[in-house]
PDB file of all heavy atoms in Angstrom:
ATOM      1  N   ILE A   1      62.712  28.445  45.354  1.00  0.00           N
ATOM      2  CA  ILE A   1      61.994  27.252  45.815  1.00  0.00           C
ATOM      3  C   ILE A   1      60.628  27.186  45.135  1.00  0.00           C
ATOM      4  O   ILE A   1      59.963  28.206  44.950  1.00  0.00           O
ATOM      5  CB  ILE A   1      61.859  27.272  47.355  1.00  0.00           C
ATOM      6  CG1 ILE A   1      61.320  25.946  47.890  1.00  0.00           C
ATOM      7  CG2 ILE A   1      61.036  28.447  47.826  1.00  0.00           C
ATOM      8  CD1 ILE A   1      61.414  25.828  49.403  1.00  0.00           C
ATOM      9  N   ALA A   2      60.236  25.966  44.720  1.00  0.00           N
ATOM     10  CA  ALA A   2      58.924  25.751  44.102  1.00  0.00           C
ATOM     11  C   ALA A   2      58.563  24.275  44.231  1.00  0.00           C
ATOM     12  O   ALA A   2      59.441  23.418  44.219  1.00  0.00           O
ATOM     13  CB  ALA A   2      58.940  26.146  42.627  1.00  0.00           C
ATOM     14  N   ILE A   3      57.290  24.003  44.329  1.00  0.00           N
ATOM     15  CA  ILE A   3      56.832  22.617  44.452  1.00  0.00           C
ATOM     16  C   ILE A   3      56.273  22.146  43.113  1.00  0.00           C
ATOM     17  O   ILE A   3      55.691  22.934  42.360  1.00  0.00           O
ATOM     18  CB  ILE A   3      55.794  22.479  45.586  1.00  0.00           C
ATOM     19  CG1 ILE A   3      55.650  21.027  46.005  1.00  0.00           C
ATOM     20  CG2 ILE A   3      54.464  23.108  45.204  1.00  0.00           C
ATOM     21  CD1 ILE A   3      55.070  20.838  47.384  1.00  0.00           C
ATOM     22  N   SER A   4      56.477  20.892  42.807  1.00  0.00           N
ATOM     23  CA  SER A   4      55.970  20.349  41.543  1.00  0.00           C
ATOM     24  C   SER A   4      54.444  20.352  41.541  1.00  0.00           C
ATOM     25  O   SER A   4      53.805  20.379  42.597  1.00  0.00           O
ATOM     26  CB  SER A   4      56.504  18.930  41.319  1.00  0.00           C
ATOM     27  OG  SER A   4      56.064  18.070  42.346  1.00  0.00           O
ATOM     28  N   ALA A   5      53.866  20.301  40.366  1.00  0.00           N
ATOM     29  CA  ALA A   5      52.405  20.386  40.242  1.00  0.00           C
ATOM     30  C   ALA A   5      51.694  19.258  40.974  1.00  0.00           C
ATOM     31  O   ALA A   5      50.578  19.438  41.463  1.00  0.00           O
ATOM     32  CB  ALA A   5      52.002  20.396  38.767  1.00  0.00           C
ATOM     33  N   ASP A   6      52.342  18.083  41.083  1.00  0.00           N
ATOM     34  CA  ASP A   6      51.711  16.963  41.787  1.00  0.00           C
ATOM     35  C   ASP A   6      52.111  16.899  43.262  1.00  0.00           C
ATOM     36  O   ASP A   6      51.680  16.012  44.000  1.00  0.00           O
ATOM     37  CB  ASP A   6      52.027  15.637  41.095  1.00  0.00           C
ATOM     38  CG  ASP A   6      53.504  15.280  41.112  1.00  0.00           C
ATOM     39  OD1 ASP A   6      54.314  16.028  41.730  1.00  0.00           O
ATOM     40  OD2 ASP A   6      53.871  14.261  40.513  1.00  0.00           O
ATOM     41  N   GLY A   7      52.961  17.830  43.703  1.00  0.00           N
ATOM     42  CA  GLY A   7      53.371  17.889  45.098  1.00  0.00           C
ATOM     43  C   GLY A   7      54.425  16.880  45.502  1.00  0.00           C
ATOM     44  O   GLY A   7      54.805  16.829  46.674  1.00  0.00           O
ATOM     45  N   SER A   8      54.941  16.102  44.569  1.00  0.00           N
ATOM     46  CA  SER A   8      55.863  15.022  44.927  1.00  0.00           C
ATOM     47  C   SER A   8      57.313  15.472  45.089  1.00  0.00           C
ATOM     48  O   SER A   8      58.100  14.788  45.744  1.00  0.00           O
ATOM     49  CB  SER A   8      55.796  13.906  43.888  1.00  0.00           C
ATOM     50  OG  SER A   8      56.320  14.359  42.645  1.00  0.00           O
ATOM     51  N   ARG A   9      57.680  16.597  44.476  1.00  0.00           N
ATOM     52  CA  ARG A   9      59.078  17.055  44.523  1.00  0.00           C
ATOM     53  C   ARG A   9      59.128  18.532  44.892  1.00  0.00           C
ATOM     54  O   ARG A   9      58.314  19.328  44.416  1.00  0.00           O
ATOM     55  CB  ARG A   9      59.774  16.889  43.165  1.00  0.00           C
ATOM     56  CG  ARG A   9      59.704  15.540  42.523  1.00  0.00           C
ATOM     57  CD  ARG A   9      60.647  14.517  43.018  1.00  0.00           C
ATOM     58  NE  ARG A   9      62.056  14.868  42.955  1.00  0.00           N
ATOM     59  CZ  ARG A   9      62.989  14.128  43.575  1.00  0.00           C
ATOM     60  NH1 ARG A   9      62.647  13.051  44.267  1.00  0.00           N
ATOM     61  NH2 ARG A   9      64.256  14.465  43.501  1.00  0.00           N
ATOM     62  N   LEU A  10      60.101  18.876  45.716  1.00  0.00           N
ATOM     63  CA  LEU A  10      60.390  20.268  46.027  1.00  0.00           C
ATOM     64  C   LEU A  10      61.631  20.657  45.242  1.00  0.00           C
ATOM     65  O   LEU A  10      62.677  20.014  45.360  1.00  0.00           O
ATOM     66  CB  LEU A  10      60.629  20.454  47.524  1.00  0.00           C
ATOM     67  CG  LEU A  10      60.843  21.898  47.955  1.00  0.00           C
ATOM     68  CD1 LEU A  10      59.523  22.656  47.882  1.00  0.00           C
ATOM     69  CD2 LEU A  10      61.419  21.963  49.358  1.00  0.00           C
ATOM     70  N   HIS A  11      61.518  21.687  44.414  1.00  0.00           N
ATOM     71  CA  HIS A  11      62.630  22.152  43.593  1.00  0.00           C
ATOM     72  C   HIS A  11      63.257  23.368  44.259  1.00  0.00           C
ATOM     73  O   HIS A  11      62.559  24.200  44.835  1.00  0.00           O
ATOM     74  CB  HIS A  11      62.129  22.511  42.191  1.00  0.00           C
ATOM     75  CG  HIS A  11      61.672  21.309  41.423  1.00  0.00           C
ATOM     76  ND1 HIS A  11      62.374  20.824  40.349  1.00  0.00           N
ATOM     77  CD2 HIS A  11      60.610  20.485  41.582  1.00  0.00           C
ATOM     78  CE1 HIS A  11      61.752  19.751  39.873  1.00  0.00           C
ATOM     79  NE2 HIS A  11      60.677  19.536  40.602  1.00  0.00           N
ATOM     80  N   TYR A  12      64.584  23.487  44.138  1.00  0.00           N
ATOM     81  CA  TYR A  12      65.292  24.599  44.779  1.00  0.00           C
ATOM     82  C   TYR A  12      66.590  24.865  44.045  1.00  0.00           C
ATOM     83  O   TYR A  12      67.085  24.022  43.281  1.00  0.00           O
ATOM     84  CB  TYR A  12      65.558  24.287  46.260  1.00  0.00           C
ATOM     85  CG  TYR A  12      66.356  23.040  46.508  1.00  0.00           C
ATOM     86  CD1 TYR A  12      67.735  23.088  46.691  1.00  0.00           C
ATOM     87  CD2 TYR A  12      65.740  21.786  46.537  1.00  0.00           C
ATOM     88  CE1 TYR A  12      68.472  21.932  46.906  1.00  0.00           C
ATOM     89  CE2 TYR A  12      66.469  20.625  46.758  1.00  0.00           C
ATOM     90  CZ  TYR A  12      67.836  20.700  46.936  1.00  0.00           C
ATOM     91  OH  TYR A  12      68.554  19.558  47.151  1.00  0.00           O
ATOM     92  N   CYS A  13      67.136  26.061  44.278  1.00  0.00           N
ATOM     93  CA  CYS A  13      68.406  26.396  43.635  1.00  0.00           C
ATOM     94  C   CYS A  13      69.194  27.366  44.506  1.00  0.00           C
ATOM     95  O   CYS A  13      68.625  28.248  45.128  1.00  0.00           O
ATOM     96  CB  CYS A  13      68.185  26.993  42.250  1.00  0.00           C
ATOM     97  SG  CYS A  13      67.313  28.569  42.232  1.00  0.00           S
ATOM     98  N   PRO A  14      70.515  27.199  44.539  1.00  0.00           N
ATOM     99  CA  PRO A  14      71.356  28.216  45.153  1.00  0.00           C
ATOM    100  C   PRO A  14      71.319  29.483  44.306  1.00  0.00           C
ATOM    101  O   PRO A  14      71.219  29.409  43.070  1.00  0.00           O
ATOM    102  CB  PRO A  14      72.755  27.601  45.144  1.00  0.00           C
ATOM    103  CG  PRO A  14      72.532  26.132  44.962  1.00  0.00           C
ATOM    104  CD  PRO A  14      71.284  26.026  44.139  1.00  0.00           C
ATOM    105  N   LEU A  15      71.413  30.638  44.927  1.00  0.00           N
ATOM    106  CA  LEU A  15      71.425  31.886  44.168  1.00  0.00           C
ATOM    107  C   LEU A  15      72.688  31.975  43.334  1.00  0.00           C
ATOM    108  O   LEU A  15      72.653  32.390  42.180  1.00  0.00           O
ATOM    109  CB  LEU A  15      71.322  33.086  45.122  1.00  0.00           C
ATOM    110  CG  LEU A  15      71.213  34.442  44.438  1.00  0.00           C
ATOM    111  CD1 LEU A  15      70.250  35.332  45.181  1.00  0.00           C
ATOM    112  CD2 LEU A  15      72.571  35.115  44.311  1.00  0.00           C
ATOM    113  N   ALA A  16      73.821  31.584  43.891  1.00  0.00           N
ATOM    114  CA  ALA A  16      75.098  31.654  43.181  1.00  0.00           C
ATOM    115  C   ALA A  16      75.391  30.317  42.500  1.00  0.00           C
ATOM    116  O   ALA A  16      76.292  29.583  42.874  1.00  0.00           O
ATOM    117  CB  ALA A  16      76.215  32.034  44.149  1.00  0.00           C
ATOM    118  N   SER A  17      74.572  30.010  41.499  1.00  0.00           N
ATOM    119  CA  SER A  17      74.721  28.758  40.770  1.00  0.00           C
ATOM    120  C   SER A  17      73.850  28.790  39.522  1.00  0.00           C
ATOM    121  O   SER A  17      72.831  29.481  39.504  1.00  0.00           O
ATOM    122  CB  SER A  17      74.290  27.579  41.654  1.00  0.00           C
ATOM    123  OG  SER A  17      74.287  26.377  40.928  1.00  0.00           O
ATOM    124  N   ARG A  18      74.243  28.047  38.531  1.00  0.00           N
ATOM    125  CA  ARG A  18      73.396  27.871  37.345  1.00  0.00           C
ATOM    126  C   ARG A  18      72.681  26.531  37.371  1.00  0.00           C
ATOM    127  O   ARG A  18      72.003  26.162  36.429  1.00  0.00           O
ATOM    128  CB  ARG A  18      74.236  28.001  36.075  1.00  0.00           C
ATOM    129  CG  ARG A  18      74.704  29.413  35.826  1.00  0.00           C
ATOM    130  CD  ARG A  18      75.270  29.610  34.434  1.00  0.00           C
ATOM    131  NE  ARG A  18      75.637  30.997  34.263  1.00  0.00           N
ATOM    132  CZ  ARG A  18      76.824  31.512  34.571  1.00  0.00           C
ATOM    133  NH1 ARG A  18      77.765  30.725  35.031  1.00  0.00           N
ATOM    134  NH2 ARG A  18      77.059  32.798  34.406  1.00  0.00           N
ATOM    135  N   ARG A  19      72.806  25.786  38.454  1.00  0.00           N
ATOM    136  CA  ARG A  19      72.176  24.471  38.573  1.00  0.00           C
ATOM    137  C   ARG A  19      70.982  24.561  39.509  1.00  0.00           C
ATOM    138  O   ARG A  19      70.876  25.467  40.327  1.00  0.00           O
ATOM    139  CB  ARG A  19      73.179  23.446  39.074  1.00  0.00           C
ATOM    140  CG  ARG A  19      74.395  23.332  38.168  1.00  0.00           C
ATOM    141  CD  ARG A  19      75.132  22.053  38.331  1.00  0.00           C
ATOM    142  NE  ARG A  19      74.467  20.910  37.717  1.00  0.00           N
ATOM    143  CZ  ARG A  19      74.383  20.677  36.413  1.00  0.00           C
ATOM    144  NH1 ARG A  19      74.900  21.516  35.559  1.00  0.00           N
ATOM    145  NH2 ARG A  19      73.768  19.594  35.958  1.00  0.00           N
ATOM    146  N   TRP A  20      70.080  23.575  39.363  1.00  0.00           N
ATOM    147  CA  TRP A  20      68.964  23.465  40.297  1.00  0.00           C
ATOM    148  C   TRP A  20      68.707  22.014  40.610  1.00  0.00           C
ATOM    149  O   TRP A  20      69.193  21.115  39.913  1.00  0.00           O
ATOM    150  CB  TRP A  20      67.736  24.207  39.784  1.00  0.00           C
ATOM    151  CG  TRP A  20      67.115  23.710  38.513  1.00  0.00           C
ATOM    152  CD1 TRP A  20      67.739  23.262  37.392  1.00  0.00           C
ATOM    153  CD2 TRP A  20      65.729  23.643  38.220  1.00  0.00           C
ATOM    154  NE1 TRP A  20      66.821  22.934  36.419  1.00  0.00           N
ATOM    155  CE2 TRP A  20      65.572  23.152  36.906  1.00  0.00           C
ATOM    156  CE3 TRP A  20      64.585  23.947  38.941  1.00  0.00           C
ATOM    157  CZ2 TRP A  20      64.341  22.960  36.302  1.00  0.00           C
ATOM    158  CZ3 TRP A  20      63.350  23.764  38.334  1.00  0.00           C
ATOM    159  CH2 TRP A  20      63.238  23.285  37.033  1.00  0.00           C
ATOM    160  N   TYR A  21      67.967  21.782  41.691  1.00  0.00           N
ATOM    161  CA  TYR A  21      67.826  20.449  42.255  1.00  0.00           C
ATOM    162  C   TYR A  21      66.387  20.237  42.711  1.00  0.00           C
ATOM    163  O   TYR A  21      65.613  21.178  42.833  1.00  0.00           O
ATOM    164  CB  TYR A  21      68.772  20.282  43.460  1.00  0.00           C
ATOM    165  CG  TYR A  21      70.204  20.573  43.117  1.00  0.00           C
ATOM    166  CD1 TYR A  21      70.710  21.872  43.191  1.00  0.00           C
ATOM    167  CD2 TYR A  21      71.053  19.562  42.683  1.00  0.00           C
ATOM    168  CE1 TYR A  21      72.028  22.149  42.849  1.00  0.00           C
ATOM    169  CE2 TYR A  21      72.374  19.828  42.339  1.00  0.00           C
ATOM    170  CZ  TYR A  21      72.854  21.139  42.424  1.00  0.00           C
ATOM    171  OH  TYR A  21      74.140  21.400  42.074  1.00  0.00           O
ATOM    172  N   SER A  22      66.062  18.968  42.983  1.00  0.00           N
ATOM    173  CA  SER A  22      64.769  18.659  43.595  1.00  0.00           C
ATOM    174  C   SER A  22      64.967  17.538  44.604  1.00  0.00           C
ATOM    175  O   SER A  22      65.950  16.800  44.555  1.00  0.00           O
ATOM    176  CB  SER A  22      63.729  18.270  42.541  1.00  0.00           C
ATOM    177  OG  SER A  22      64.051  17.016  41.957  1.00  0.00           O
ATOM    178  N   VAL A  23      64.011  17.414  45.512  1.00  0.00           N
ATOM    179  CA  VAL A  23      64.059  16.393  46.553  1.00  0.00           C
ATOM    180  C   VAL A  23      62.633  15.901  46.776  1.00  0.00           C
ATOM    181  O   VAL A  23      61.665  16.647  46.585  1.00  0.00           O
ATOM    182  CB  VAL A  23      64.671  16.969  47.853  1.00  0.00           C
ATOM    183  CG1 VAL A  23      63.845  18.108  48.424  1.00  0.00           C
ATOM    184  CG2 VAL A  23      64.907  15.876  48.894  1.00  0.00           C
ATOM    185  N   ALA A  24      62.484  14.654  47.165  1.00  0.00           N
ATOM    186  CA  ALA A  24      61.161  14.078  47.404  1.00  0.00           C
ATOM    187  C   ALA A  24      60.511  14.731  48.630  1.00  0.00           C
ATOM    188  O   ALA A  24      61.113  14.769  49.702  1.00  0.00           O
ATOM    189  CB  ALA A  24      61.276  12.572  47.615  1.00  0.00           C
ATOM    190  N   THR A  25      59.301  15.221  48.466  1.00  0.00           N
ATOM    191  CA  THR A  25      58.611  15.859  49.595  1.00  0.00           C
ATOM    192  C   THR A  25      58.269  14.858  50.687  1.00  0.00           C
ATOM    193  O   THR A  25      58.290  15.199  51.873  1.00  0.00           O
ATOM    194  CB  THR A  25      57.344  16.594  49.125  1.00  0.00           C
ATOM    195  OG1 THR A  25      56.512  15.685  48.396  1.00  0.00           O
ATOM    196  CG2 THR A  25      57.689  17.784  48.248  1.00  0.00           C
ATOM    197  N   ASP A  26      57.962  13.622  50.314  1.00  0.00           N
ATOM    198  CA  ASP A  26      57.688  12.596  51.337  1.00  0.00           C
ATOM    199  C   ASP A  26      58.895  12.387  52.240  1.00  0.00           C
ATOM    200  O   ASP A  26      58.754  12.208  53.449  1.00  0.00           O
ATOM    201  CB  ASP A  26      57.294  11.269  50.690  1.00  0.00           C
ATOM    202  CG  ASP A  26      55.894  11.290  50.087  1.00  0.00           C
ATOM    203  OD1 ASP A  26      55.138  12.242  50.388  1.00  0.00           O
ATOM    204  OD2 ASP A  26      55.570  10.362  49.322  1.00  0.00           O
ATOM    205  N   ALA A  27      60.080  12.415  51.658  1.00  0.00           N
ATOM    206  CA  ALA A  27      61.300  12.239  52.447  1.00  0.00           C
ATOM    207  C   ALA A  27      61.530  13.432  53.377  1.00  0.00           C
ATOM    208  O   ALA A  27      61.912  13.260  54.534  1.00  0.00           O
ATOM    209  CB  ALA A  27      62.497  12.035  51.528  1.00  0.00           C
ATOM    210  N   LEU A  28      61.293  14.633  52.862  1.00  0.00           N
ATOM    211  CA  LEU A  28      61.455  15.823  53.699  1.00  0.00           C
ATOM    212  C   LEU A  28      60.524  15.793  54.903  1.00  0.00           C
ATOM    213  O   LEU A  28      60.889  16.208  56.005  1.00  0.00           O
ATOM    214  CB  LEU A  28      61.172  17.092  52.886  1.00  0.00           C
ATOM    215  CG  LEU A  28      62.166  17.482  51.812  1.00  0.00           C
ATOM    216  CD1 LEU A  28      61.632  18.662  51.015  1.00  0.00           C
ATOM    217  CD2 LEU A  28      63.531  17.804  52.410  1.00  0.00           C
ATOM    218  N   ALA A  29      59.323  15.307  54.687  1.00  0.00           N
ATOM    219  CA  ALA A  29      58.298  15.338  55.738  1.00  0.00           C
ATOM    220  C   ALA A  29      58.428  14.205  56.756  1.00  0.00           C
ATOM    221  O   ALA A  29      57.871  14.300  57.845  1.00  0.00           O
ATOM    222  CB  ALA A  29      56.913  15.300  55.096  1.00  0.00           C
ATOM    223  N   ASP A  30      59.165  13.160  56.403  1.00  0.00           N
ATOM    224  CA  ASP A  30      59.286  12.003  57.295  1.00  0.00           C
ATOM    225  C   ASP A  30      60.404  12.236  58.307  1.00  0.00           C
ATOM    226  O   ASP A  30      61.576  12.091  58.001  1.00  0.00           O
ATOM    227  CB  ASP A  30      59.568  10.739  56.478  1.00  0.00           C
ATOM    228  CG  ASP A  30      59.543   9.470  57.307  1.00  0.00           C
ATOM    229  OD1 ASP A  30      59.611   9.549  58.554  1.00  0.00           O
ATOM    230  OD2 ASP A  30      59.465   8.383  56.691  1.00  0.00           O
ATOM    231  N   ARG A  31      60.036  12.572  59.538  1.00  0.00           N
ATOM    232  CA  ARG A  31      61.031  12.887  60.567  1.00  0.00           C
ATOM    233  C   ARG A  31      61.845  11.662  60.981  1.00  0.00           C
ATOM    234  O   ARG A  31      62.892  11.795  61.607  1.00  0.00           O
ATOM    235  CB  ARG A  31      60.346  13.495  61.785  1.00  0.00           C
ATOM    236  CG  ARG A  31      59.733  14.847  61.458  1.00  0.00           C
ATOM    237  CD  ARG A  31      59.247  15.549  62.675  1.00  0.00           C
ATOM    238  NE  ARG A  31      60.395  16.156  63.375  1.00  0.00           N
ATOM    239  CZ  ARG A  31      60.284  16.964  64.391  1.00  0.00           C
ATOM    240  NH1 ARG A  31      59.104  17.282  64.869  1.00  0.00           N
ATOM    241  NH2 ARG A  31      61.347  17.465  64.973  1.00  0.00           N
ATOM    242  N   ASP A  32      61.380  10.467  60.642  1.00  0.00           N
ATOM    243  CA  ASP A  32      62.106   9.250  61.012  1.00  0.00           C
ATOM    244  C   ASP A  32      63.248   8.917  60.045  1.00  0.00           C
ATOM    245  O   ASP A  32      64.092   8.084  60.357  1.00  0.00           O
ATOM    246  CB  ASP A  32      61.146   8.056  61.091  1.00  0.00           C
ATOM    247  CG  ASP A  32      60.144   8.202  62.234  1.00  0.00           C
ATOM    248  OD1 ASP A  32      60.498   8.829  63.259  1.00  0.00           O
ATOM    249  OD2 ASP A  32      59.014   7.710  62.084  1.00  0.00           O
ATOM    250  N   LEU A  33      63.264   9.557  58.876  1.00  0.00           N
ATOM    251  CA  LEU A  33      64.334   9.290  57.911  1.00  0.00           C
ATOM    252  C   LEU A  33      65.620   9.997  58.329  1.00  0.00           C
ATOM    253  O   LEU A  33      65.586  11.136  58.791  1.00  0.00           O
ATOM    254  CB  LEU A  33      63.942   9.753  56.513  1.00  0.00           C
ATOM    255  CG  LEU A  33      62.906   8.937  55.754  1.00  0.00           C
ATOM    256  CD1 LEU A  33      62.747   9.495  54.346  1.00  0.00           C
ATOM    257  CD2 LEU A  33      63.275   7.467  55.700  1.00  0.00           C
ATOM    258  N   THR A  34      66.744   9.338  58.114  1.00  0.00           N
ATOM    259  CA  THR A  34      68.041   9.961  58.373  1.00  0.00           C
ATOM    260  C   THR A  34      68.341  10.982  57.281  1.00  0.00           C
ATOM    261  O   THR A  34      67.735  10.952  56.197  1.00  0.00           O
ATOM    262  CB  THR A  34      69.157   8.914  58.387  1.00  0.00           C
ATOM    263  OG1 THR A  34      69.277   8.358  57.062  1.00  0.00           O
ATOM    264  CG2 THR A  34      68.882   7.815  59.415  1.00  0.00           C
ATOM    265  N   GLU A  35      69.300  11.861  57.559  1.00  0.00           N
ATOM    266  CA  GLU A  35      69.710  12.841  56.556  1.00  0.00           C
ATOM    267  C   GLU A  35      70.213  12.159  55.284  1.00  0.00           C
ATOM    268  O   GLU A  35      69.944  12.628  54.180  1.00  0.00           O
ATOM    269  CB  GLU A  35      70.796  13.759  57.125  1.00  0.00           C
ATOM    270  CG  GLU A  35      70.249  14.883  57.983  1.00  0.00           C
ATOM    271  CD  GLU A  35      69.356  15.841  57.207  1.00  0.00           C
ATOM    272  OE1 GLU A  35      69.762  16.371  56.155  1.00  0.00           O
ATOM    273  OE2 GLU A  35      68.216  16.047  57.655  1.00  0.00           O
ATOM    274  N   ASP A  36      70.927  11.049  55.452  1.00  0.00           N
ATOM    275  CA  ASP A  36      71.442  10.332  54.279  1.00  0.00           C
ATOM    276  C   ASP A  36      70.319   9.793  53.404  1.00  0.00           C
ATOM    277  O   ASP A  36      70.408   9.829  52.168  1.00  0.00           O
ATOM    278  CB  ASP A  36      72.362   9.193  54.701  1.00  0.00           C
ATOM    279  CG  ASP A  36      73.710   9.685  55.221  1.00  0.00           C
ATOM    280  OD1 ASP A  36      74.053  10.860  54.952  1.00  0.00           O
ATOM    281  OD2 ASP A  36      74.413   8.897  55.884  1.00  0.00           O
ATOM    282  N   LEU A  37      69.259   9.299  54.021  1.00  0.00           N
ATOM    283  CA  LEU A  37      68.135   8.775  53.242  1.00  0.00           C
ATOM    284  C   LEU A  37      67.380   9.896  52.535  1.00  0.00           C
ATOM    285  O   LEU A  37      66.916   9.725  51.405  1.00  0.00           O
ATOM    286  CB  LEU A  37      67.198   7.966  54.141  1.00  0.00           C
ATOM    287  CG  LEU A  37      67.757   6.620  54.621  1.00  0.00           C
ATOM    288  CD1 LEU A  37      66.799   5.965  55.610  1.00  0.00           C
ATOM    289  CD2 LEU A  37      68.019   5.691  53.439  1.00  0.00           C
ATOM    290  N   VAL A  38      67.246  11.042  53.193  1.00  0.00           N
ATOM    291  CA  VAL A  38      66.623  12.200  52.523  1.00  0.00           C
ATOM    292  C   VAL A  38      67.506  12.634  51.358  1.00  0.00           C
ATOM    293  O   VAL A  38      67.022  12.845  50.243  1.00  0.00           O
ATOM    294  CB  VAL A  38      66.400  13.361  53.513  1.00  0.00           C
ATOM    295  CG1 VAL A  38      65.879  14.599  52.778  1.00  0.00           C
ATOM    296  CG2 VAL A  38      65.430  12.963  54.616  1.00  0.00           C
ATOM    297  N   ALA A  39      68.801  12.763  51.590  1.00  0.00           N
ATOM    298  CA  ALA A  39      69.734  13.200  50.545  1.00  0.00           C
ATOM    299  C   ALA A  39      69.741  12.250  49.355  1.00  0.00           C
ATOM    300  O   ALA A  39      69.977  12.674  48.219  1.00  0.00           O
ATOM    301  CB  ALA A  39      71.139  13.344  51.125  1.00  0.00           C
ATOM    302  N   ALA A  40      69.465  10.980  49.593  1.00  0.00           N
ATOM    303  CA  ALA A  40      69.439  10.011  48.502  1.00  0.00           C
ATOM    304  C   ALA A  40      68.315  10.292  47.507  1.00  0.00           C
ATOM    305  O   ALA A  40      68.344   9.791  46.381  1.00  0.00           O
ATOM    306  CB  ALA A  40      69.300   8.594  49.057  1.00  0.00           C
ATOM    307  N   THR A  41      67.321  11.090  47.887  1.00  0.00           N
ATOM    308  CA  THR A  41      66.219  11.426  46.978  1.00  0.00           C
ATOM    309  C   THR A  41      66.467  12.719  46.201  1.00  0.00           C
ATOM    310  O   THR A  41      65.637  13.123  45.394  1.00  0.00           O
ATOM    311  CB  THR A  41      64.883  11.549  47.742  1.00  0.00           C
ATOM    312  OG1 THR A  41      64.863  12.744  48.521  1.00  0.00           O
ATOM    313  CG2 THR A  41      64.628  10.334  48.629  1.00  0.00           C
ATOM    314  N   VAL A  42      67.612  13.375  46.454  1.00  0.00           N
ATOM    315  CA  VAL A  42      67.947  14.613  45.737  1.00  0.00           C
ATOM    316  C   VAL A  42      68.292  14.285  44.292  1.00  0.00           C
ATOM    317  O   VAL A  42      69.047  13.348  44.017  1.00  0.00           O
ATOM    318  CB  VAL A  42      69.117  15.357  46.415  1.00  0.00           C
ATOM    319  CG1 VAL A  42      69.617  16.507  45.543  1.00  0.00           C
ATOM    320  CG2 VAL A  42      68.696  15.871  47.786  1.00  0.00           C
ATOM    321  N   ALA A  43      67.735  15.055  43.374  1.00  0.00           N
ATOM    322  CA  ALA A  43      68.050  14.903  41.947  1.00  0.00           C
ATOM    323  C   ALA A  43      68.619  16.213  41.415  1.00  0.00           C
ATOM    324  O   ALA A  43      68.116  17.295  41.733  1.00  0.00           O
ATOM    325  CB  ALA A  43      66.794  14.537  41.157  1.00  0.00           C
ATOM    326  N   ASP A  44      69.677  16.130  40.628  1.00  0.00           N
ATOM    327  CA  ASP A  44      70.246  17.287  39.948  1.00  0.00           C
ATOM    328  C   ASP A  44      69.389  17.531  38.707  1.00  0.00           C
ATOM    329  O   ASP A  44      69.339  16.692  37.807  1.00  0.00           O
ATOM    330  CB  ASP A  44      71.696  17.000  39.580  1.00  0.00           C
ATOM    331  CG  ASP A  44      72.406  18.187  38.943  1.00  0.00           C
ATOM    332  OD1 ASP A  44      71.732  19.066  38.367  1.00  0.00           O
ATOM    333  OD2 ASP A  44      73.647  18.223  38.998  1.00  0.00           O
ATOM    334  N   GLU A  45      68.699  18.662  38.669  1.00  0.00           N
ATOM    335  CA  GLU A  45      67.801  18.982  37.555  1.00  0.00           C
ATOM    336  C   GLU A  45      68.535  19.610  36.370  1.00  0.00           C
ATOM    337  O   GLU A  45      67.924  19.912  35.364  1.00  0.00           O
ATOM    338  CB  GLU A  45      66.676  19.898  38.028  1.00  0.00           C
ATOM    339  CG  GLU A  45      65.766  19.272  39.082  1.00  0.00           C
ATOM    340  CD  GLU A  45      64.843  18.213  38.523  1.00  0.00           C
ATOM    341  OE1 GLU A  45      64.583  18.230  37.301  1.00  0.00           O
ATOM    342  OE2 GLU A  45      64.379  17.365  39.299  1.00  0.00           O
ATOM    343  N   GLY A  46      69.846  19.839  36.530  1.00  0.00           N
ATOM    344  CA  GLY A  46      70.643  20.317  35.407  1.00  0.00           C
ATOM    345  C   GLY A  46      70.902  21.811  35.421  1.00  0.00           C
ATOM    346  O   GLY A  46      70.592  22.523  36.369  1.00  0.00           O
TER     347      GLY A  46
END
């Protein structure tokens, strides 16, 4: 887990994987957003 330099994205990776992902920190912090709306901000970083 690591946060982007501007704080806008949280990056993470499964241990058993060669891929990594990021998600919008604003979405993570907004308790009013549904899980689907948070998941919609996930990006596959490759």
